Protein backbone atom coordinates (compact mmCIF):
# COMPACT_ATOMS: atom_id res chain seq x y z
CA MET A 1 12.31 -34.87 -78.77
CA SER A 2 12.43 -35.04 -75.05
CA SER A 3 9.69 -32.44 -74.77
CA ALA A 4 7.40 -34.14 -77.38
CA THR A 5 6.99 -37.39 -75.51
CA PRO A 6 5.37 -35.93 -72.38
CA ARG A 7 3.02 -33.89 -74.58
CA ARG A 8 1.79 -37.03 -76.38
CA SER A 9 1.35 -38.77 -73.05
CA ARG A 10 -0.80 -35.96 -71.80
CA ASP A 11 -2.84 -35.97 -75.01
CA ASP A 12 -3.26 -39.73 -74.84
CA SER A 13 -4.28 -39.46 -71.20
CA ARG A 14 -6.95 -36.86 -72.01
CA ALA A 15 -8.20 -38.98 -74.89
CA ASN A 16 -8.39 -42.04 -72.65
CA ARG A 17 -10.28 -40.10 -70.00
CA ARG A 18 -12.67 -38.79 -72.66
CA GLU A 19 -13.23 -42.31 -73.97
CA VAL A 20 -13.82 -43.72 -70.50
CA SER A 21 -16.18 -40.83 -69.66
CA GLU A 22 -18.16 -41.32 -72.82
CA THR A 23 -18.57 -45.05 -72.16
CA GLN A 24 -19.67 -44.43 -68.59
CA GLU A 25 -22.16 -41.62 -69.29
CA PRO A 26 -25.67 -42.97 -69.98
CA LYS A 27 -27.15 -42.16 -73.32
CA HIS A 28 -30.18 -39.86 -73.26
CA ALA A 29 -33.30 -42.00 -73.04
CA ARG A 30 -35.87 -41.58 -75.78
CA THR A 31 -39.01 -39.77 -74.62
CA PRO A 32 -41.77 -42.40 -74.22
CA THR A 33 -44.79 -42.08 -76.48
CA ILE A 34 -48.41 -43.07 -76.19
CA ARG A 35 -47.58 -46.01 -78.50
CA ASP A 36 -45.01 -47.25 -75.96
CA VAL A 37 -47.66 -47.13 -73.23
CA ALA A 38 -50.08 -49.07 -75.45
CA VAL A 39 -47.50 -51.77 -76.15
CA LEU A 40 -46.54 -52.17 -72.48
CA ALA A 41 -50.19 -52.25 -71.34
CA GLY A 42 -51.20 -54.57 -74.19
CA VAL A 43 -54.00 -52.34 -75.46
CA SER A 44 -54.69 -50.03 -78.40
CA ILE A 45 -53.57 -46.41 -78.61
CA GLY A 46 -57.23 -45.36 -78.52
CA THR A 47 -57.76 -47.23 -75.24
CA VAL A 48 -54.71 -45.52 -73.73
CA SER A 49 -56.09 -42.14 -74.76
CA LYS A 50 -59.49 -42.89 -73.18
CA ALA A 51 -57.91 -44.23 -69.99
CA LEU A 52 -55.55 -41.27 -69.52
CA ASN A 53 -58.28 -38.74 -70.26
CA GLY A 54 -60.83 -40.30 -67.90
CA ARG A 55 -63.31 -41.06 -70.66
CA GLN A 56 -65.97 -43.75 -70.53
CA GLY A 57 -65.72 -47.10 -72.25
CA VAL A 58 -62.65 -48.35 -70.36
CA GLY A 59 -62.87 -50.96 -67.62
CA ALA A 60 -61.39 -50.30 -64.18
CA ARG A 61 -58.71 -52.99 -64.55
CA THR A 62 -57.70 -51.80 -68.02
CA ARG A 63 -57.52 -48.19 -66.83
CA ALA A 64 -55.33 -49.25 -63.89
CA ASN A 65 -52.99 -51.19 -66.22
CA VAL A 66 -52.67 -48.19 -68.54
CA LEU A 67 -51.92 -45.81 -65.67
CA LYS A 68 -49.35 -48.25 -64.28
CA ALA A 69 -47.67 -48.55 -67.68
CA ALA A 70 -47.60 -44.76 -68.12
CA GLU A 71 -46.06 -44.32 -64.69
CA GLN A 72 -43.49 -47.07 -65.31
CA LEU A 73 -42.39 -45.45 -68.57
CA GLY A 74 -42.52 -41.92 -67.18
CA PHE A 75 -45.01 -40.95 -69.86
CA HIS A 76 -46.56 -37.49 -69.60
CA SER A 77 -49.04 -36.40 -72.21
CA ASN A 78 -48.41 -33.11 -73.96
CA ALA A 79 -51.27 -30.91 -72.78
CA LEU A 80 -51.03 -28.46 -75.67
CA ALA A 81 -51.00 -31.20 -78.29
CA ARG A 82 -53.86 -32.97 -76.55
CA ASN A 83 -55.92 -29.78 -76.45
CA LEU A 84 -55.31 -29.07 -80.14
CA LEU A 85 -56.12 -32.65 -81.07
CA THR A 86 -59.35 -32.90 -79.06
CA GLY A 87 -60.55 -29.30 -79.23
CA ARG A 88 -60.84 -29.28 -75.44
CA SER A 89 -59.08 -27.31 -72.71
CA PHE A 90 -59.38 -30.02 -70.03
CA THR A 91 -60.43 -27.38 -67.51
CA VAL A 92 -63.72 -26.97 -65.66
CA GLY A 93 -65.04 -23.88 -63.91
CA LEU A 94 -66.57 -24.11 -60.44
CA ILE A 95 -68.69 -21.16 -59.31
CA THR A 96 -69.69 -21.10 -55.65
CA ASN A 97 -72.00 -18.77 -53.76
CA ASP A 98 -71.05 -20.18 -50.36
CA SER A 99 -68.42 -17.75 -49.08
CA PHE A 100 -68.26 -19.53 -45.70
CA GLY A 101 -67.32 -22.84 -47.32
CA ARG A 102 -69.20 -25.07 -44.89
CA PHE A 103 -71.12 -26.59 -47.77
CA SER A 104 -69.06 -25.80 -50.84
CA ILE A 105 -65.72 -27.14 -49.59
CA PRO A 106 -66.89 -30.78 -49.20
CA VAL A 107 -68.75 -30.49 -52.52
CA MET A 108 -65.65 -29.08 -54.24
CA LEU A 109 -63.38 -31.76 -52.80
CA GLY A 110 -65.69 -34.49 -54.05
CA ALA A 111 -65.90 -32.87 -57.48
CA GLU A 112 -62.14 -32.45 -57.68
CA ASP A 113 -61.59 -36.13 -56.86
CA ALA A 114 -63.75 -37.14 -59.81
CA LEU A 115 -62.29 -34.54 -62.18
CA GLN A 116 -58.68 -35.43 -61.38
CA THR A 117 -59.38 -38.95 -62.60
CA GLY A 118 -59.96 -37.38 -66.00
CA GLN A 119 -56.92 -35.09 -65.62
CA ILE A 120 -59.20 -32.05 -65.49
CA ALA A 121 -58.02 -28.81 -63.86
CA VAL A 122 -60.52 -26.78 -61.80
CA LEU A 123 -60.84 -22.98 -61.90
CA LEU A 124 -62.60 -21.77 -58.73
CA CYS A 125 -64.72 -18.60 -58.74
CA ASP A 126 -66.53 -17.08 -55.72
CA GLY A 127 -69.83 -15.52 -56.81
CA ARG A 128 -70.57 -14.22 -53.27
CA ASP A 129 -74.34 -14.32 -53.88
CA ASP A 130 -73.96 -11.48 -56.39
CA ALA A 131 -75.69 -12.09 -59.74
CA ILE A 132 -73.53 -9.52 -61.54
CA ARG A 133 -70.34 -11.01 -60.17
CA GLU A 134 -71.55 -14.48 -61.12
CA GLN A 135 -72.18 -13.43 -64.73
CA HIS A 136 -68.73 -11.86 -64.85
CA TYR A 137 -67.20 -15.20 -63.90
CA VAL A 138 -69.32 -17.02 -66.47
CA ARG A 139 -67.94 -14.76 -69.20
CA THR A 140 -64.41 -15.16 -67.83
CA LEU A 141 -64.67 -18.95 -67.81
CA LEU A 142 -66.05 -19.00 -71.33
CA SER A 143 -63.14 -16.85 -72.48
CA ARG A 144 -60.82 -19.45 -70.94
CA ARG A 145 -62.61 -22.07 -73.07
CA VAL A 146 -63.49 -24.32 -70.13
CA ASP A 147 -65.17 -27.59 -71.05
CA GLY A 148 -67.97 -27.21 -68.49
CA ILE A 149 -69.11 -25.47 -65.30
CA ILE A 150 -70.29 -26.67 -61.89
CA VAL A 151 -72.40 -24.23 -59.86
CA THR A 152 -72.77 -24.75 -56.11
CA GLY A 153 -74.19 -22.85 -53.13
CA ARG A 154 -75.20 -23.16 -49.50
CA ARG A 155 -78.96 -23.62 -50.03
CA ILE A 156 -80.83 -26.21 -52.04
CA ASP A 157 -83.66 -23.79 -52.85
CA PRO A 158 -84.29 -23.51 -56.63
CA ARG A 159 -82.38 -20.71 -58.30
CA PRO A 160 -82.47 -19.18 -61.81
CA PRO A 161 -80.09 -20.86 -64.26
CA VAL A 162 -76.73 -19.19 -64.75
CA ASN A 163 -77.46 -18.73 -68.43
CA THR A 164 -79.65 -20.46 -70.98
CA ASP A 165 -77.38 -19.77 -73.98
CA ILE A 166 -74.07 -21.19 -72.75
CA PRO A 167 -72.58 -23.58 -75.32
CA ILE A 168 -71.01 -25.89 -72.71
CA PRO A 169 -72.56 -28.23 -70.10
CA ILE A 170 -73.50 -26.89 -66.66
CA VAL A 171 -74.32 -28.97 -63.58
CA TYR A 172 -75.72 -27.59 -60.31
CA ALA A 173 -74.55 -29.18 -57.04
CA MET A 174 -76.10 -28.45 -53.62
CA SER A 175 -78.18 -26.03 -55.66
CA GLU A 176 -81.07 -26.67 -58.05
CA SER A 177 -81.78 -24.88 -61.31
CA THR A 178 -85.36 -23.82 -62.02
CA ASN A 179 -84.84 -25.05 -65.58
CA PRO A 180 -85.93 -28.73 -65.63
CA LYS A 181 -83.59 -29.35 -68.55
CA ASP A 182 -80.57 -28.59 -66.37
CA ALA A 183 -78.81 -31.28 -64.35
CA SER A 184 -78.87 -30.74 -60.56
CA VAL A 185 -77.50 -32.88 -57.72
CA LEU A 186 -78.88 -32.47 -54.19
CA PRO A 187 -78.63 -34.24 -50.83
CA ASP A 188 -81.77 -36.16 -49.90
CA ASP A 189 -83.00 -33.92 -47.05
CA GLU A 190 -86.39 -35.62 -46.82
CA GLY A 191 -84.79 -39.04 -46.67
CA GLY A 192 -82.44 -37.76 -43.98
CA GLY A 193 -85.36 -36.53 -41.85
CA ARG A 194 -87.06 -39.88 -42.20
CA LEU A 195 -83.83 -41.70 -41.28
CA ALA A 196 -83.38 -39.61 -38.14
CA VAL A 197 -86.86 -40.30 -36.78
CA GLU A 198 -86.77 -43.99 -37.71
CA HIS A 199 -83.60 -44.24 -35.63
CA LEU A 200 -85.29 -42.57 -32.65
CA LEU A 201 -88.27 -44.90 -32.99
CA ALA A 202 -85.90 -47.88 -33.07
CA THR A 203 -84.46 -46.80 -29.70
CA GLY A 204 -87.95 -46.91 -28.20
CA ARG A 205 -88.84 -43.20 -28.30
CA ARG A 206 -92.47 -42.27 -28.94
CA LYS A 207 -92.89 -38.59 -27.99
CA ILE A 208 -90.65 -37.05 -30.63
CA GLY A 209 -90.48 -33.30 -31.17
CA HIS A 210 -88.95 -31.40 -34.08
CA ILE A 211 -87.00 -28.12 -33.86
CA THR A 212 -85.69 -26.72 -37.10
CA GLY A 213 -84.73 -23.66 -39.16
CA PRO A 214 -86.78 -21.01 -41.02
CA ALA A 215 -90.04 -22.25 -42.51
CA ASP A 216 -89.20 -20.71 -45.89
CA PHE A 217 -86.05 -22.81 -46.31
CA ARG A 218 -86.67 -25.78 -48.56
CA ALA A 219 -84.23 -27.89 -46.54
CA ALA A 220 -86.25 -27.27 -43.36
CA GLN A 221 -89.47 -28.16 -45.14
CA LEU A 222 -88.10 -31.41 -46.56
CA ARG A 223 -86.50 -32.55 -43.31
CA ALA A 224 -89.77 -31.92 -41.46
CA ALA A 225 -91.68 -33.82 -44.15
CA GLY A 226 -89.38 -36.82 -43.79
CA ALA A 227 -89.76 -36.78 -40.00
CA SER A 228 -93.53 -36.56 -40.26
CA ALA A 229 -93.68 -39.42 -42.75
CA ALA A 230 -91.68 -41.71 -40.46
CA LEU A 231 -93.95 -40.90 -37.51
CA THR A 232 -97.09 -41.41 -39.59
CA ASN A 233 -95.87 -44.86 -40.62
CA ALA A 234 -95.55 -45.66 -36.90
CA GLY A 235 -99.04 -44.33 -36.14
CA LEU A 236 -97.67 -41.26 -34.39
CA ALA A 237 -97.37 -37.51 -34.95
CA ILE A 238 -94.78 -34.86 -34.13
CA ALA A 239 -95.02 -34.00 -30.42
CA GLY A 240 -96.53 -30.68 -29.38
CA ASP A 241 -98.05 -28.34 -31.93
CA GLY A 242 -95.82 -29.54 -34.76
CA PRO A 243 -92.35 -28.43 -35.91
CA LEU A 244 -90.88 -25.35 -34.24
CA HIS A 245 -89.28 -23.08 -36.85
CA GLY A 246 -86.61 -20.48 -36.10
CA GLN A 247 -83.01 -19.63 -36.93
CA TRP A 248 -80.18 -22.03 -37.67
CA SER A 249 -78.51 -21.23 -34.35
CA GLU A 250 -77.71 -22.58 -30.90
CA GLU A 251 -79.67 -19.73 -29.32
CA TRP A 252 -82.82 -20.78 -31.17
CA GLY A 253 -82.21 -24.35 -30.00
CA ARG A 254 -82.18 -23.18 -26.39
CA GLN A 255 -85.33 -21.10 -26.79
CA ALA A 256 -87.20 -23.78 -28.70
CA ALA A 257 -86.31 -26.47 -26.15
CA SER A 258 -87.91 -24.33 -23.44
CA ILE A 259 -91.05 -23.88 -25.58
CA MET A 260 -91.25 -27.58 -26.39
CA LEU A 261 -90.97 -28.72 -22.79
CA ARG A 262 -93.79 -26.37 -21.82
CA GLN A 263 -95.93 -27.78 -24.63
CA THR A 264 -94.99 -31.43 -24.11
CA PRO A 265 -93.34 -32.09 -20.71
CA ASP A 266 -93.10 -35.83 -21.44
CA VAL A 267 -91.19 -35.47 -24.73
CA ASP A 268 -88.58 -38.24 -24.91
CA ALA A 269 -86.71 -37.29 -28.08
CA VAL A 270 -86.01 -34.28 -30.29
CA PHE A 271 -85.00 -34.31 -33.93
CA CYS A 272 -83.25 -31.05 -34.81
CA GLY A 273 -82.91 -29.62 -38.29
CA SER A 274 -79.24 -28.77 -37.77
CA ASP A 275 -76.35 -29.61 -35.47
CA GLN A 276 -76.20 -26.02 -34.25
CA ILE A 277 -79.81 -26.18 -33.10
CA ALA A 278 -79.21 -29.58 -31.48
CA ARG A 279 -76.22 -28.20 -29.58
CA GLY A 280 -78.41 -25.45 -28.13
CA VAL A 281 -81.12 -27.95 -27.17
CA SER A 282 -78.52 -30.16 -25.49
CA GLU A 283 -77.13 -27.27 -23.45
CA TYR A 284 -80.58 -26.20 -22.27
CA LEU A 285 -81.53 -29.73 -21.24
CA ARG A 286 -78.31 -30.11 -19.27
CA GLU A 287 -78.90 -26.79 -17.49
CA ILE A 288 -82.34 -27.84 -16.26
CA GLY A 289 -81.09 -31.24 -15.11
CA CYS A 290 -82.53 -33.27 -17.97
CA ASN A 291 -80.20 -36.09 -19.02
CA VAL A 292 -79.33 -36.73 -22.67
CA PRO A 293 -80.03 -39.39 -23.80
CA ASP A 294 -81.62 -41.15 -20.80
CA ASP A 295 -84.44 -38.60 -20.43
CA VAL A 296 -84.43 -37.11 -23.93
CA ALA A 297 -82.63 -38.50 -26.96
CA LEU A 298 -81.29 -36.05 -29.49
CA VAL A 299 -80.53 -36.17 -33.24
CA GLY A 300 -79.06 -33.33 -35.30
CA PHE A 301 -78.54 -32.80 -39.01
CA ASP A 302 -75.45 -31.97 -41.15
CA ASN A 303 -72.73 -33.96 -39.36
CA TRP A 304 -70.78 -30.76 -38.86
CA THR A 305 -68.11 -32.68 -36.96
CA VAL A 306 -66.67 -29.65 -35.15
CA MET A 307 -70.09 -29.15 -33.59
CA ALA A 308 -71.30 -32.74 -33.25
CA GLU A 309 -68.18 -34.28 -31.74
CA ALA A 310 -67.63 -31.42 -29.29
CA ALA A 311 -71.16 -31.72 -27.89
CA ARG A 312 -71.57 -33.50 -24.54
CA PRO A 313 -72.74 -36.11 -25.10
CA SER A 314 -71.51 -36.35 -28.68
CA LEU A 315 -74.29 -35.85 -31.17
CA THR A 316 -76.02 -38.42 -33.34
CA THR A 317 -76.68 -36.70 -36.64
CA ILE A 318 -77.43 -37.03 -40.35
CA ASP A 319 -74.57 -36.69 -42.83
CA MET A 320 -75.63 -35.27 -46.21
CA ASN A 321 -72.69 -36.90 -48.03
CA LEU A 322 -71.72 -33.60 -49.61
CA SER A 323 -68.49 -34.98 -51.04
CA GLU A 324 -70.60 -37.55 -52.90
CA VAL A 325 -72.85 -34.73 -54.12
CA GLY A 326 -69.78 -33.06 -55.64
CA ARG A 327 -68.41 -36.31 -57.03
CA THR A 328 -71.73 -37.17 -58.66
CA ALA A 329 -72.03 -33.68 -60.17
CA ALA A 330 -68.54 -33.96 -61.65
CA GLN A 331 -69.29 -37.38 -63.12
CA ILE A 332 -72.47 -36.04 -64.72
CA LEU A 333 -70.50 -33.10 -66.12
CA LEU A 334 -67.78 -35.35 -67.56
CA ALA A 335 -70.44 -37.49 -69.22
CA ALA A 336 -72.10 -34.37 -70.67
CA ILE A 337 -68.76 -33.16 -72.02
CA ASP A 338 -68.51 -36.51 -73.82
CA GLY A 339 -71.97 -35.96 -75.30
CA ASN A 340 -74.07 -37.93 -72.78
CA GLU A 341 -76.18 -35.24 -71.16
CA THR A 342 -78.44 -35.79 -68.14
CA GLN A 343 -81.47 -33.70 -67.25
CA GLY A 344 -83.38 -33.24 -64.02
CA THR A 345 -82.50 -33.59 -60.35
CA ARG A 346 -80.61 -36.46 -58.77
CA LEU A 347 -80.69 -37.05 -55.01
CA VAL A 348 -77.74 -38.40 -53.03
CA PRO A 349 -78.82 -40.52 -50.01
CA SER A 350 -78.05 -39.20 -46.53
CA GLN A 351 -76.39 -41.30 -43.83
CA LEU A 352 -77.09 -41.74 -40.14
CA VAL A 353 -74.05 -41.21 -37.89
CA VAL A 354 -74.76 -42.70 -34.45
CA ARG A 355 -73.11 -41.18 -31.41
CA ALA A 356 -73.90 -41.02 -27.68
CA SER A 357 -76.91 -38.67 -27.75
CA THR A 358 -79.28 -41.48 -28.79
CA ARG A 359 -77.98 -44.27 -26.61
CA PRO A 360 -80.97 -46.40 -25.54
CA PRO A 361 -81.75 -46.09 -21.81
CA ASP A 362 -79.55 -48.23 -19.54
CA ILE A 363 -77.43 -49.48 -22.45
CA SER A 364 -73.85 -48.26 -22.81
CA TYR A 365 -71.82 -48.39 -25.97
CA LYS A 366 -69.04 -46.43 -27.54
CA ASP A 367 -69.58 -43.73 -30.14
CA SER A 368 -69.52 -45.05 -33.66
CA VAL A 369 -66.83 -43.87 -36.07
CA SER A 370 -68.29 -41.09 -38.20
CA PRO A 371 -67.44 -40.14 -41.79
CA SER A 372 -65.58 -36.84 -42.20
CA SER A 373 -67.82 -34.09 -43.70
CA ASP A 374 -67.40 -30.55 -42.45
CA SER A 375 -70.78 -29.21 -43.53
CA GLY A 376 -72.99 -26.71 -41.80
CA ALA A 377 -76.57 -25.99 -40.88
CA GLY A 378 -79.19 -24.95 -43.31
């Protein structure tokens, strides 16, 4: 008997500890469902589905309420179930031919921002300007059952379509398809050229020269056309014998500045087709004792911030809004995936970024804050 009592005490003690432990341990929470999100947000299940999948037909406030409710409940949609239910993979392929990334990276970042809103994953493929490699990636993306494809490059010159028989939407960004039925999104190079010269005219310049890239580049042609149009509206013409075409390089900027000053010694401003060219022009002018901007004002193109902000003085330039080009392309693609296709070319307005190289004579002001867009010349 004496040995039984302690044994019962130990058993009772273990039972008590087990009971206390069970009362203290939280019960496993039920996994939240899309219905729970709908109830908390005060909307229908269909609206929750549209909001979480980035589809059209949902207002900004409603979408925000749904996302807040989903986050509060810890709701995560089942990707496999969603794919089976909708027949979509919720992935998009992005094929780039810009191996350097000076153009494609801002475009891709803008596209990704828009696609993430719709919970779309991006599969990146580098075509490397190789048509065979590009077609390989097209086949690979189709085998992955992507919902659509964005094609981008480093030149806006028209290019053959990737394929005319692809059963999914394709949008071209910073690149234009020769097929007018395709959707393409480009920066407004002509508008940017016009904006640059209008700014120089506003600072009182009248003898404005233009130094730019190769004559067979569409971007160079459009930027020159915009500059010429702005001067014509002011009753003027491009100084010298017209635009000076060469390479997208600092060295060409130096050479062309020497040529221009021999042609037009009284030139008081130069609009350059790229920031690299403008940097070369600026260096040459400084070497010969010509002050920028008091003697000659200077405007570049691209807003390649590494180049423009390091110049002395810092360089006024045109930003092509490449992230907006990518964002717009992604939005067009998402709409096409939902059955609302767009055809033709859409232009994204450029933006003037004012820095010290166009300061009006005898007026001092600080450089303006520029938008971040690491793009390049050409």
